[in-house]
Amino acid sequence: MRHITALALSLVCCAILADRSTFADEPSAGKQVEQKFAYPANPRHSMGYLLYLPASYRAAEQQKFPLLVFLHGSGERGNRLSLVKRHGPPKIAEEQPDFPFIVVSPQLTLENRFFDPAALAALLDQVEKTYRVDSDRIYVTGLSMGGWATWKLAAYQPERFAAVAPICGWTDTREAVKFKRLPVWAIHGDDDGGVPFMETEQMVDAIRGIGGNVKFTILSNAPHDVWTSTYAMPEFYEWLLRHRKSSLAAKAE
């Protein structure tokens, strides 16, 4: 009987270790770590992602933190999450342990051409259940292909976000109605050779046409890469944090 008990305990320990091995590292405050997300509804859209918890996360046991989702461009697709650290919030989180957001930065595999909004939403469900996320302050931003994905994810669940910031992306203007109440900061260079400037301009016009709240920054003579300067601006993050989902609901009443 003792042998059976010992064997059972050994199997349990092995199972725990196997489960922990799905993570490259355990989350720790002030450090960005690699994680894996399994998407049962469509395993093809399972993904690795970077997770960053602010340096004060462990000390402030009762505090909830704003969540910032970052969606990369086509050049960062693959199976090496280090690629995602090239730009934007995950790059900043790597360098600044006092960055005030929980940051989630998923990566597309080479087999998938574009992010799937349903899979991203499921990833956010898991993150919200696992960590102390302030559901009143959830934001999404992305560049180029990730700018497209920012529009798509926000259109898929507009009620989830407090504000969104697509950078040099593109989208379908027929979805403008989804953004009537959602604050948007769209940024694009007018000399973009990768994604035509008019893609953002047309969506901004469509949102404004229905009375939406959209801020549009046009960078004169700027090429496709407007994200480097944008993500380096402290006012970009200050703008995000000024918005809360509860404020949007109050304005709608």
Foldseek 3Di string as FASTA:
>chain_A
DVVVVVVVVVVVVVVVVVVVVQWPDDADQLAKGKHWAADVVDRLQTWIKIKYHANCQVVCPPDAAAEEEEEEDPVQAARDRVSQLPFFDNVVSNVDSRPRHTYIYIHHHPVDRAHDLVSVVVVVVVVVVPGRHDQFQYEYEYAASSLAVQLVNCLVPVLRHQEYERELYAYDLVSLVSQQLHEYEYEYECAEPRRHPVRVVVNVVSNVVSNHHYHYHYHYPDYRPPRRVLSVDPVNVVVSVVTTSVVSVVVVD
